[in-house]
Amino acid sequence: MSAPLDQTALATLFTEARTHNGWQDKPISDGLLEELYQLTRLGPTSANCCPARFVFVRSEEGKRKLEPCLSRGNRDKTMGAPVTVIVAYDSAFYDALPELFPHGDARSWFTSSPALVEETAFRNSSMQAAYLILAARSLGLDTGPMSGFDKDLLDATFFADSAWKSNLLINLGYGDPDKLFDRLPRLSFAKACMLA
């Protein structure tokens, strides 16, 4: 487990992987979506709270519901993606802590602090979204994560009768390499990091 990944694996996950804006007309099976979740769920979260919830939007009806929630610049690429994942978080995630964190009464840490619930759910569901991106890449899928949607409308449309709240969207499929943009620059170690 401690051996570093080889260059091929690093290329798949990082150095050659790209954010896609265009998609091939290839479906994603239920089995592959289940496999994707099985990998994603193994990433660490604080107190194993696992607040992320995932809605795999792929039907015509689901896409019709999603489209009005999207910003203009995200509509075409999202409507063309085989699947769009709504990464949400359950604001009552702590109700599952007796099962997920049986070592102590972790549920009680959250029941009196809505601010802590929101912060924990948002932070950890964001991490779980990143795990989903890496899991997708490891399974041969491409991704296009994005903001650029009306959160209130999306939550009213998809989560009106639940404690779920949207965090971000991730388009998922087999990317069209002809529609890639040039890779944008990243900050250097010297600009982005400190050694303390």
N, C-alpha and C. Protein backbone atom coordinates (compact mmCIF):
# COMPACT_ATOMS: atom_id res chain seq x y z
N MET A 1 0.81 -1.21 0.00
CA MET A 1 0.00 0.00 0.00
C MET A 1 0.85 1.27 0.00
N SER A 2 2.13 1.17 0.40
CA SER A 2 2.93 2.39 0.51
C SER A 2 3.73 2.69 -0.75
N ALA A 3 3.68 1.83 -1.75
CA ALA A 3 4.44 2.08 -2.98
C ALA A 3 3.78 3.19 -3.78
N PRO A 4 4.57 4.11 -4.35
CA PRO A 4 3.97 5.17 -5.16
C PRO A 4 3.37 4.61 -6.45
N LEU A 5 2.37 5.32 -6.96
CA LEU A 5 1.78 4.95 -8.24
C LEU A 5 2.79 5.15 -9.36
N ASP A 6 2.64 4.35 -10.40
CA ASP A 6 3.53 4.54 -11.55
C ASP A 6 3.05 5.73 -12.39
N GLN A 7 3.85 6.08 -13.39
CA GLN A 7 3.56 7.27 -14.19
C GLN A 7 2.26 7.13 -14.99
N THR A 8 1.92 5.92 -15.37
CA THR A 8 0.66 5.71 -16.10
C THR A 8 -0.53 6.04 -15.21
N ALA A 9 -0.48 5.56 -13.98
CA ALA A 9 -1.58 5.84 -13.05
C ALA A 9 -1.65 7.33 -12.73
N LEU A 10 -0.50 7.96 -12.52
CA LEU A 10 -0.50 9.40 -12.24
C LEU A 10 -1.03 10.19 -13.42
N ALA A 11 -0.72 9.74 -14.64
CA ALA A 11 -1.24 10.41 -15.83
C ALA A 11 -2.76 10.29 -15.89
N THR A 12 -3.29 9.10 -15.56
CA THR A 12 -4.73 8.87 -15.58
C THR A 12 -5.44 9.78 -14.58
N LEU A 13 -4.85 9.94 -13.42
CA LEU A 13 -5.50 10.69 -12.35
C LEU A 13 -5.22 12.18 -12.39
N PHE A 14 -4.00 12.57 -12.83
CA PHE A 14 -3.59 13.97 -12.68
C PHE A 14 -2.96 14.58 -13.93
N THR A 15 -1.80 14.09 -14.32
CA THR A 15 -0.98 14.85 -15.27
C THR A 15 -1.58 14.93 -16.67
N GLU A 16 -2.31 13.91 -17.10
CA GLU A 16 -2.94 13.94 -18.42
C GLU A 16 -4.46 14.10 -18.35
N ALA A 17 -5.01 13.98 -17.17
CA ALA A 17 -6.47 14.10 -17.02
C ALA A 17 -6.90 15.54 -17.23
N ARG A 18 -8.08 15.71 -17.79
CA ARG A 18 -8.55 17.04 -18.14
C ARG A 18 -10.01 17.21 -17.74
N THR A 19 -10.43 18.46 -17.59
CA THR A 19 -11.83 18.79 -17.40
C THR A 19 -12.48 18.87 -18.78
N HIS A 20 -13.52 18.09 -18.99
CA HIS A 20 -14.13 17.99 -20.32
C HIS A 20 -15.37 18.86 -20.44
N ASN A 21 -15.56 19.39 -21.66
CA ASN A 21 -16.70 20.23 -21.98
C ASN A 21 -17.58 19.65 -23.08
N GLY A 22 -17.08 18.62 -23.74
CA GLY A 22 -17.83 17.96 -24.81
C GLY A 22 -17.75 16.46 -24.61
N TRP A 23 -18.77 15.76 -25.11
CA TRP A 23 -18.94 14.36 -24.75
C TRP A 23 -19.23 13.48 -25.94
N GLN A 24 -18.69 12.27 -25.93
CA GLN A 24 -19.05 11.27 -26.91
C GLN A 24 -20.42 10.70 -26.56
N ASP A 25 -21.09 10.20 -27.57
CA ASP A 25 -22.43 9.64 -27.37
C ASP A 25 -22.30 8.18 -26.94
N LYS A 26 -21.83 8.00 -25.71
CA LYS A 26 -21.64 6.66 -25.15
C LYS A 26 -22.30 6.63 -23.77
N PRO A 27 -23.20 5.69 -23.56
CA PRO A 27 -23.90 5.63 -22.27
C PRO A 27 -23.00 5.09 -21.15
N ILE A 28 -23.43 5.33 -19.93
CA ILE A 28 -22.77 4.79 -18.74
C ILE A 28 -23.76 3.85 -18.06
N SER A 29 -23.35 2.63 -17.82
CA SER A 29 -24.26 1.62 -17.28
C SER A 29 -24.52 1.85 -15.79
N ASP A 30 -25.62 1.29 -15.32
CA ASP A 30 -25.91 1.31 -13.89
C ASP A 30 -24.79 0.67 -13.10
N GLY A 31 -24.26 -0.43 -13.61
CA GLY A 31 -23.18 -1.13 -12.92
C GLY A 31 -21.95 -0.27 -12.75
N LEU A 32 -21.61 0.53 -13.76
CA LEU A 32 -20.45 1.40 -13.66
C LEU A 32 -20.70 2.53 -12.66
N LEU A 33 -21.92 3.05 -12.63
CA LEU A 33 -22.25 4.08 -11.64
C LEU A 33 -22.16 3.52 -10.21
N GLU A 34 -22.61 2.28 -10.04
CA GLU A 34 -22.51 1.65 -8.72
C GLU A 34 -21.04 1.42 -8.34
N GLU A 35 -20.24 0.99 -9.31
CA GLU A 35 -18.82 0.80 -9.05
C GLU A 35 -18.15 2.14 -8.69
N LEU A 36 -18.55 3.19 -9.38
CA LEU A 36 -18.03 4.52 -9.10
C LEU A 36 -18.34 4.91 -7.66
N TYR A 37 -19.57 4.69 -7.23
CA TYR A 37 -19.92 5.04 -5.84
C TYR A 37 -19.15 4.17 -4.84
N GLN A 38 -19.00 2.89 -5.14
CA GLN A 38 -18.30 2.00 -4.21
C GLN A 38 -16.87 2.49 -3.95
N LEU A 39 -16.21 3.03 -4.96
CA LEU A 39 -14.88 3.60 -4.76
C LEU A 39 -14.95 4.94 -4.02
N THR A 40 -15.88 5.79 -4.44
CA THR A 40 -16.00 7.13 -3.86
C THR A 40 -16.24 7.07 -2.36
N ARG A 41 -17.07 6.17 -1.93
CA ARG A 41 -17.47 6.11 -0.52
C ARG A 41 -16.33 5.74 0.41
N LEU A 42 -15.23 5.21 -0.13
CA LEU A 42 -14.12 4.78 0.70
C LEU A 42 -13.18 5.92 1.09
N GLY A 43 -13.31 7.08 0.47
CA GLY A 43 -12.46 8.22 0.84
C GLY A 43 -12.77 8.70 2.24
N PRO A 44 -11.77 9.21 2.95
CA PRO A 44 -11.99 9.62 4.34
C PRO A 44 -12.83 10.90 4.47
N THR A 45 -13.63 10.92 5.51
CA THR A 45 -14.35 12.12 5.94
C THR A 45 -14.22 12.22 7.45
N SER A 46 -14.41 13.40 7.99
CA SER A 46 -14.24 13.59 9.44
C SER A 46 -15.28 12.76 10.18
N ALA A 47 -14.81 12.00 11.17
CA ALA A 47 -15.65 11.08 11.95
C ALA A 47 -16.48 10.16 11.06
N ASN A 48 -15.94 9.87 9.86
CA ASN A 48 -16.63 9.01 8.90
C ASN A 48 -18.08 9.47 8.66
N CYS A 49 -18.28 10.80 8.62
CA CYS A 49 -19.64 11.34 8.56
C CYS A 49 -20.32 11.15 7.21
N CYS A 50 -19.56 11.03 6.14
CA CYS A 50 -20.11 10.70 4.81
C CYS A 50 -21.37 11.50 4.47
N PRO A 51 -21.31 12.84 4.47
CA PRO A 51 -22.54 13.61 4.24
C PRO A 51 -22.96 13.71 2.78
N ALA A 52 -22.09 13.38 1.84
CA ALA A 52 -22.43 13.57 0.43
C ALA A 52 -23.54 12.63 -0.01
N ARG A 53 -24.39 13.17 -0.86
CA ARG A 53 -25.43 12.39 -1.52
C ARG A 53 -25.32 12.70 -3.00
N PHE A 54 -25.56 11.70 -3.84
CA PHE A 54 -25.30 11.84 -5.26
C PHE A 54 -26.57 11.52 -6.05
N VAL A 55 -26.95 12.44 -6.93
CA VAL A 55 -28.06 12.21 -7.84
C VAL A 55 -27.47 12.11 -9.24
N PHE A 56 -27.61 10.95 -9.86
CA PHE A 56 -27.09 10.73 -11.21
C PHE A 56 -28.20 11.06 -12.20
N VAL A 57 -28.13 12.26 -12.76
CA VAL A 57 -29.16 12.74 -13.68
C VAL A 57 -28.79 12.28 -15.09
N ARG A 58 -29.63 11.43 -15.68
CA ARG A 58 -29.31 10.94 -17.02
C ARG A 58 -30.54 10.73 -17.89
N SER A 59 -31.74 10.68 -17.31
CA SER A 59 -32.94 10.50 -18.12
C SER A 59 -33.32 11.82 -18.78
N GLU A 60 -34.15 11.74 -19.81
CA GLU A 60 -34.63 12.96 -20.45
C GLU A 60 -35.43 13.81 -19.47
N GLU A 61 -36.23 13.16 -18.65
CA GLU A 61 -37.02 13.89 -17.66
C GLU A 61 -36.11 14.58 -16.65
N GLY A 62 -35.09 13.88 -16.18
CA GLY A 62 -34.15 14.47 -15.23
C GLY A 62 -33.41 15.65 -15.84
N LYS A 63 -33.01 15.51 -17.09
CA LYS A 63 -32.30 16.61 -17.76
C LYS A 63 -33.22 17.82 -17.94
N ARG A 64 -34.50 17.58 -18.25
CA ARG A 64 -35.46 18.69 -18.39
C ARG A 64 -35.61 19.44 -17.07
N LYS A 65 -35.61 18.71 -15.98
CA LYS A 65 -35.70 19.35 -14.67
C LYS A 65 -34.44 20.14 -14.33
N LEU A 66 -33.29 19.61 -14.74
CA LEU A 66 -32.02 20.24 -14.42
C LEU A 66 -31.75 21.49 -15.27
N GLU A 67 -32.15 21.46 -16.54
CA GLU A 67 -31.76 22.52 -17.48
C GLU A 67 -32.08 23.94 -17.00
N PRO A 68 -33.28 24.23 -16.47
CA PRO A 68 -33.55 25.61 -16.04
C PRO A 68 -32.67 26.07 -14.88
N CYS A 69 -32.06 25.14 -14.18
CA CYS A 69 -31.22 25.49 -13.03
C CYS A 69 -29.81 25.92 -13.45
N LEU A 70 -29.44 25.66 -14.70
CA LEU A 70 -28.07 25.86 -15.16
C LEU A 70 -27.84 27.28 -15.66
N SER A 71 -26.63 27.78 -15.44
CA SER A 71 -26.25 29.04 -16.08
C SER A 71 -26.14 28.82 -17.58
N ARG A 72 -26.28 29.88 -18.33
CA ARG A 72 -26.27 29.78 -19.79
C ARG A 72 -25.01 29.10 -20.31
N GLY A 73 -23.86 29.42 -19.72
CA GLY A 73 -22.61 28.85 -20.20
C GLY A 73 -22.42 27.37 -19.91
N ASN A 74 -23.25 26.83 -19.03
CA ASN A 74 -23.13 25.41 -18.68
C ASN A 74 -24.21 24.53 -19.30
N ARG A 75 -25.17 25.13 -19.99
CA ARG A 75 -26.31 24.35 -20.48
C ARG A 75 -25.93 23.33 -21.53
N ASP A 76 -25.26 23.76 -22.60
CA ASP A 76 -25.00 22.84 -23.71
C ASP A 76 -24.15 21.66 -23.29
N LYS A 77 -23.07 21.94 -22.57
CA LYS A 77 -22.17 20.84 -22.19
C LYS A 77 -22.84 19.89 -21.19
N THR A 78 -23.74 20.42 -20.38
CA THR A 78 -24.43 19.57 -19.41
C THR A 78 -25.52 18.76 -20.08
N MET A 79 -26.26 19.36 -20.98
CA MET A 79 -27.29 18.61 -21.69
C MET A 79 -26.68 17.54 -22.58
N GLY A 80 -25.44 17.75 -23.03
CA GLY A 80 -24.77 16.77 -23.88
C GLY A 80 -24.05 15.68 -23.12
N ALA A 81 -23.90 15.83 -21.82
CA ALA A 81 -23.20 14.81 -21.02
C ALA A 81 -24.11 13.61 -20.78
N PRO A 82 -23.57 12.40 -20.85
CA PRO A 82 -24.41 11.23 -20.56
C PRO A 82 -25.02 11.26 -19.15
N VAL A 83 -24.26 11.76 -18.18
CA VAL A 83 -24.71 11.84 -16.79
C VAL A 83 -24.23 13.15 -16.21
N THR A 84 -25.08 13.79 -15.43
CA THR A 84 -24.65 14.90 -14.58
C THR A 84 -24.91 14.49 -13.14
N VAL A 85 -23.87 14.55 -12.34
CA VAL A 85 -23.99 14.18 -10.94
C VAL A 85 -24.26 15.45 -10.13
N ILE A 86 -25.39 15.48 -9.46
CA ILE A 86 -25.62 16.52 -8.46
C ILE A 86 -24.96 16.02 -7.18
N VAL A 87 -23.89 16.68 -6.77
CA VAL A 87 -23.27 16.35 -5.50
C VAL A 87 -23.95 17.22 -4.45
N ALA A 88 -24.66 16.57 -3.57
CA ALA A 88 -25.39 17.26 -2.52
C ALA A 88 -24.85 16.80 -1.18
N TYR A 89 -25.37 17.41 -0.12
CA TYR A 89 -25.06 16.91 1.21
C TYR A 89 -26.34 16.84 2.01
N ASP A 90 -26.37 15.87 2.91
CA ASP A 90 -27.51 15.68 3.78
C ASP A 90 -27.28 16.50 5.04
N SER A 91 -28.11 17.51 5.26
CA SER A 91 -27.92 18.35 6.43
C SER A 91 -28.35 17.65 7.72
N ALA A 92 -28.86 16.43 7.59
CA ALA A 92 -29.13 15.59 8.77
C ALA A 92 -28.20 14.37 8.76
N PHE A 93 -27.00 14.55 8.19
CA PHE A 93 -26.05 13.44 8.08
C PHE A 93 -25.75 12.79 9.43
N TYR A 94 -25.83 13.58 10.48
CA TYR A 94 -25.46 13.09 11.81
C TYR A 94 -26.37 11.97 12.31
N ASP A 95 -27.56 11.84 11.71
CA ASP A 95 -28.45 10.75 12.12
C ASP A 95 -27.88 9.37 11.77
N ALA A 96 -26.95 9.32 10.81
CA ALA A 96 -26.32 8.05 10.44
C ALA A 96 -25.04 7.77 11.24
N LEU A 97 -24.63 8.70 12.09
CA LEU A 97 -23.36 8.51 12.81
C LEU A 97 -23.37 7.33 13.78
N PRO A 98 -24.48 6.98 14.42
CA PRO A 98 -24.42 5.77 15.25
C PRO A 98 -23.99 4.53 14.46
N GLU A 99 -24.35 4.48 13.18
CA GLU A 99 -23.91 3.37 12.32
C GLU A 99 -22.50 3.59 11.80
N LEU A 100 -22.22 4.82 11.34
CA LEU A 100 -20.95 5.09 10.65
C LEU A 100 -19.78 5.32 11.60
N PHE A 101 -20.06 5.78 12.82
CA PHE A 101 -19.00 6.07 13.80
C PHE A 101 -19.44 5.50 15.15
N PRO A 102 -19.39 4.16 15.30
CA PRO A 102 -19.92 3.54 16.52
C PRO A 102 -19.01 3.66 17.74
N HIS A 103 -17.87 4.33 17.59
CA HIS A 103 -16.89 4.41 18.69
C HIS A 103 -17.34 5.34 19.81
N GLY A 104 -18.28 6.19 19.55
CA GLY A 104 -18.72 7.15 20.56
C GLY A 104 -19.99 7.83 20.09
N ASP A 105 -20.49 8.75 20.87
CA ASP A 105 -21.74 9.44 20.56
C ASP A 105 -21.47 10.65 19.67
N ALA A 106 -21.01 10.41 18.45
CA ALA A 106 -20.67 11.50 17.54
C ALA A 106 -21.90 12.30 17.12
N ARG A 107 -23.06 11.68 17.13
CA ARG A 107 -24.29 12.41 16.73
C ARG A 107 -24.50 13.63 17.62
N SER A 108 -24.20 13.50 18.90
CA SER A 108 -24.43 14.60 19.84
C SER A 108 -23.52 15.80 19.58
N TRP A 109 -22.44 15.60 18.83
CA TRP A 109 -21.55 16.72 18.51
C TRP A 109 -22.26 17.75 17.63
N PHE A 110 -23.28 17.31 16.91
CA PHE A 110 -23.88 18.15 15.87
C PHE A 110 -25.30 18.62 16.18
N THR A 111 -25.99 17.96 17.07
CA THR A 111 -27.42 18.22 17.23
C THR A 111 -27.73 19.61 17.79
N SER A 112 -26.76 20.26 18.41
CA SER A 112 -27.04 21.59 18.97
C SER A 112 -26.32 22.72 18.24
N SER A 113 -25.72 22.42 17.08
CA SER A 113 -24.97 23.45 16.37
C SER A 113 -25.24 23.41 14.87
N PRO A 114 -26.27 24.11 14.40
CA PRO A 114 -26.52 24.15 12.95
C PRO A 114 -25.33 24.66 12.14
N ALA A 115 -24.56 25.60 12.71
CA ALA A 115 -23.39 26.12 11.98
C ALA A 115 -22.35 25.02 11.79
N LEU A 116 -22.12 24.20 12.81
CA LEU A 116 -21.17 23.10 12.69
C LEU A 116 -21.66 22.05 11.69
N VAL A 117 -22.96 21.80 11.70
CA VAL A 117 -23.55 20.86 10.73
C VAL A 117 -23.27 21.34 9.31
N GLU A 118 -23.58 22.61 9.04
CA GLU A 118 -23.39 23.16 7.69
C GLU A 118 -21.93 23.12 7.28
N GLU A 119 -21.05 23.55 8.16
CA GLU A 119 -19.62 23.57 7.83
C GLU A 119 -19.09 22.16 7.58
N THR A 120 -19.46 21.23 8.43
CA THR A 120 -18.98 19.85 8.30
C THR A 120 -19.53 19.21 7.04
N ALA A 121 -20.81 19.40 6.79
CA ALA A 121 -21.44 18.79 5.61
C ALA A 121 -20.87 19.34 4.32
N PHE A 122 -20.70 20.66 4.26
CA PHE A 122 -20.19 21.27 3.03
C PHE A 122 -18.74 20.87 2.79
N ARG A 123 -17.90 20.95 3.83
CA ARG A 123 -16.49 20.61 3.67
C ARG A 123 -16.31 19.16 3.24
N ASN A 124 -16.97 18.25 3.94
CA ASN A 124 -16.76 16.84 3.66
C ASN A 124 -17.41 16.38 2.37
N SER A 125 -18.55 16.96 2.01
CA SER A 125 -19.14 16.61 0.71
C SER A 125 -18.30 17.14 -0.44
N SER A 126 -17.60 18.25 -0.22
CA SER A 126 -16.67 18.75 -1.25
C SER A 126 -15.52 17.78 -1.44
N MET A 127 -15.01 17.25 -0.32
CA MET A 127 -13.96 16.23 -0.44
C MET A 127 -14.48 15.00 -1.16
N GLN A 128 -15.70 14.59 -0.85
CA GLN A 128 -16.26 13.42 -1.50
C GLN A 128 -16.47 13.65 -2.99
N ALA A 129 -16.76 14.88 -3.38
CA ALA A 129 -16.85 15.19 -4.81
C ALA A 129 -15.50 14.99 -5.48
N ALA A 130 -14.43 15.39 -4.82
CA ALA A 130 -13.08 15.18 -5.37
C ALA A 130 -12.77 13.69 -5.47
N TYR A 131 -13.19 12.92 -4.47
CA TYR A 131 -12.98 11.47 -4.55
C TYR A 131 -13.73 10.90 -5.76
N LEU A 132 -14.94 11.41 -6.00
CA LEU A 132 -15.71 10.92 -7.15
C LEU A 132 -14.98 11.21 -8.46
N ILE A 133 -14.38 12.39 -8.57
CA ILE A 133 -13.64 12.73 -9.78
C ILE A 133 -12.48 11.76 -9.98
N LEU A 134 -11.72 11.50 -8.93
CA LEU A 134 -10.58 10.59 -9.06
C LEU A 134 -11.04 9.16 -9.31
N ALA A 135 -12.13 8.74 -8.66
CA ALA A 135 -12.66 7.40 -8.90
C ALA A 135 -13.13 7.27 -10.35
N ALA A 136 -13.80 8.30 -10.86
CA ALA A 136 -14.26 8.27 -12.25
C ALA A 136 -13.08 8.13 -13.20
N ARG A 137 -12.04 8.93 -12.99
CA ARG A 137 -10.86 8.84 -13.84
C ARG A 137 -10.23 7.46 -13.78
N SER A 138 -10.22 6.88 -12.58
CA SER A 138 -9.60 5.55 -12.44
C SER A 138 -10.41 4.47 -13.15
N LEU A 139 -11.69 4.73 -13.40
CA LEU A 139 -12.55 3.77 -14.10
C LEU A 139 -12.68 4.08 -15.59
N GLY A 140 -11.89 5.02 -16.08
CA GLY A 140 -11.91 5.32 -17.51
C GLY A 140 -12.93 6.36 -17.93
N LEU A 141 -13.54 7.03 -16.97
CA LEU A 141 -14.51 8.09 -17.27
C LEU A 141 -13.84 9.45 -17.20
N ASP A 142 -14.44 10.41 -17.87
CA ASP A 142 -13.99 11.79 -17.81
C ASP A 142 -15.02 12.61 -17.03
N THR A 143 -14.57 13.75 -16.50
CA THR A 143 -15.45 14.57 -15.67
C THR A 143 -15.37 16.03 -16.08
N GLY A 144 -16.39 16.75 -15.70
CA GLY A 144 -16.44 18.20 -15.88
C GLY A 144 -17.12 18.82 -14.68
N PRO A 145 -16.39 19.03 -13.58
CA PRO A 145 -17.01 19.64 -12.39
C PRO A 145 -17.31 21.11 -12.60
N MET A 146 -18.35 21.62 -11.94
CA MET A 146 -18.70 23.02 -12.15
C MET A 146 -19.62 23.54 -11.06
N SER A 147 -19.56 24.84 -10.89
CA SER A 147 -20.59 25.60 -10.21
C SER A 147 -21.49 26.11 -11.34
N GLY A 148 -21.94 27.33 -11.28
CA GLY A 148 -22.70 27.86 -12.40
C GLY A 148 -24.10 27.28 -12.51
N PHE A 149 -24.81 27.28 -11.37
CA PHE A 149 -26.21 26.86 -11.38
C PHE A 149 -26.94 27.61 -10.27
N ASP A 150 -28.24 27.65 -10.39
CA ASP A 150 -29.09 28.31 -9.40
C ASP A 150 -29.36 27.31 -8.28
N LYS A 151 -28.64 27.45 -7.20
CA LYS A 151 -28.71 26.49 -6.09
C LYS A 151 -30.12 26.42 -5.50
N ASP A 152 -30.74 27.56 -5.29
CA ASP A 152 -32.07 27.57 -4.69
C ASP A 152 -33.09 26.86 -5.58
N LEU A 153 -33.02 27.13 -6.89
CA LEU A 153 -33.94 26.48 -7.82
C LEU A 153 -33.67 24.99 -7.90
N LEU A 154 -32.39 24.61 -7.95
CA LEU A 154 -32.06 23.20 -8.02
C LEU A 154 -32.55 22.46 -6.76
N ASP A 155 -32.31 23.06 -5.59
CA ASP A 155 -32.74 22.42 -4.36
C ASP A 155 -34.27 22.31 -4.31
N ALA A 156 -34.97 23.34 -4.76
CA ALA A 156 -36.43 23.28 -4.79
C ALA A 156 -36.93 22.23 -5.78
N THR A 157 -36.20 22.06 -6.88
CA THR A 157 -36.61 21.12 -7.93
C THR A 157 -36.34 19.68 -7.53
N PHE A 158 -35.18 19.42 -6.96
CA PHE A 158 -34.77 18.04 -6.69
C PHE A 158 -34.92 17.62 -5.23
N PHE A 159 -34.86 18.57 -4.30
CA PHE A 159 -34.78 18.21 -2.89
C PHE A 159 -35.83 18.90 -2.02
N ALA A 160 -36.97 19.22 -2.59
CA ALA A 160 -37.96 20.02 -1.88
C ALA A 160 -38.41 19.38 -0.57
N ASP A 161 -38.50 18.08 -0.53
CA ASP A 161 -39.03 17.41 0.66
C ASP A 161 -37.96 16.61 1.39
N SER A 162 -36.72 17.09 1.34
CA SER A 162 -35.64 16.36 2.01
C SER A 162 -34.69 17.34 2.69
N ALA A 163 -33.73 16.78 3.41
CA ALA A 163 -32.70 17.59 4.09
C ALA A 163 -31.46 17.73 3.23
N TRP A 164 -31.55 17.32 1.96
CA TRP A 164 -30.40 17.41 1.06
C TRP A 164 -30.29 18.83 0.51
N LYS A 165 -29.04 19.27 0.31
CA LYS A 165 -28.74 20.57 -0.29
C LYS A 165 -27.62 20.40 -1.31
N SER A 166 -27.74 21.09 -2.43
CA SER A 166 -26.74 20.93 -3.49
C SER A 166 -25.43 21.63 -3.14
N ASN A 167 -24.33 21.06 -3.62
CA ASN A 167 -23.00 21.61 -3.44
C ASN A 167 -22.41 21.99 -4.80
N LEU A 168 -22.28 21.02 -5.70
CA LEU A 168 -21.75 21.27 -7.03
C LEU A 168 -22.26 20.23 -8.01
N LEU A 169 -21.97 20.43 -9.28
CA LEU A 169 -22.35 19.50 -10.33
C LEU A 169 -21.09 18.94 -10.97
N ILE A 170 -21.18 17.69 -11.43
CA ILE A 170 -20.07 17.06 -12.15
C ILE A 170 -20.65 16.35 -13.37
N ASN A 171 -20.30 16.83 -14.56
CA ASN A 171 -20.67 16.10 -15.76
C ASN A 171 -19.76 14.89 -15.87
N LEU A 172 -20.32 13.81 -16.38
CA LEU A 172 -19.64 12.52 -16.35
C LEU A 172 -19.88 11.80 -17.66
N GLY A 173 -18.83 11.24 -18.22
CA GLY A 173 -18.98 10.48 -19.45
C GLY A 173 -17.63 10.19 -20.07
N TYR A 174 -17.65 10.04 -21.38
CA TYR A 174 -16.44 9.81 -22.15
C TYR A 174 -16.21 11.09 -22.96
N GLY A 175 -15.19 11.82 -22.59
CA GLY A 175 -14.97 13.13 -23.16
C GLY A 175 -14.61 13.09 -24.63
N ASP A 176 -14.97 14.16 -25.32
CA ASP A 176 -14.59 14.36 -26.73
C ASP A 176 -13.30 15.17 -26.73
N PRO A 177 -12.17 14.53 -27.09
CA PRO A 177 -10.89 15.26 -27.03
C PRO A 177 -10.83 16.45 -27.97
N ASP A 178 -11.66 16.46 -29.02
CA ASP A 178 -11.67 17.59 -29.95
C ASP A 178 -12.28 18.85 -29.35
N LYS A 179 -12.95 18.71 -28.21
CA LYS A 179 -13.60 19.86 -27.59
C LYS A 179 -12.88 20.32 -26.32
N LEU A 180 -11.67 19.83 -26.12
CA LEU A 180 -10.89 20.27 -24.97
C LEU A 180 -10.31 21.65 -25.20
N PHE A 181 -10.26 22.45 -24.17
CA PHE A 181 -9.53 23.70 -24.21
C PHE A 181 -8.08 23.42 -23.81
N ASP A 182 -7.19 24.34 -24.11
CA ASP A 182 -5.81 24.20 -23.64
C ASP A 182 -5.81 24.19 -22.12
N ARG A 183 -4.88 23.43 -21.55
CA ARG A 183 -4.79 23.39 -20.09
C ARG A 183 -4.40 24.77 -19.57
N LEU A 184 -5.11 25.21 -18.57
CA LEU A 184 -4.81 26.51 -17.96
C LEU A 184 -3.66 26.38 -16.97
N PRO A 185 -2.97 27.48 -16.69
CA PRO A 185 -1.84 27.41 -15.76
C PRO A 185 -2.28 27.08 -14.35
N ARG A 186 -1.34 26.59 -13.56
CA ARG A 186 -1.54 26.36 -12.13
C ARG A 186 -0.47 27.14 -11.38
N LEU A 187 -0.75 27.44 -10.14
CA LEU A 187 0.22 28.18 -9.32
C LEU A 187 1.41 27.29 -9.00
N SER A 188 2.58 27.89 -8.92
CA SER A 188 3.79 27.17 -8.55
C SER A 188 3.78 26.83 -7.06
N PHE A 189 4.65 25.92 -6.67
CA PHE A 189 4.80 25.59 -5.26
C PHE A 189 5.12 26.84 -4.46
N ALA A 190 6.01 27.67 -4.98
CA ALA A 190 6.44 28.86 -4.25
C ALA A 190 5.29 29.83 -4.00
N LYS A 191 4.33 29.90 -4.94
CA LYS A 191 3.22 30.83 -4.80
C LYS A 191 2.08 30.27 -3.96
N ALA A 192 1.96 28.94 -3.92
CA ALA A 192 0.79 28.34 -3.29
C ALA A 192 1.07 27.64 -1.96
N CYS A 193 2.35 27.50 -1.61
CA CYS A 193 2.69 26.67 -0.46
C CYS A 193 3.64 27.38 0.49
N MET A 194 3.56 26.99 1.75
CA MET A 194 4.51 27.45 2.76
C MET A 194 5.04 26.24 3.50
N LEU A 195 6.28 26.30 3.89
CA LEU A 195 6.85 25.29 4.78
C LEU A 195 6.97 25.91 6.15
N ALA A 196 6.39 25.31 7.14
CA ALA A 196 6.38 25.90 8.49
C ALA A 196 7.10 25.00 9.48
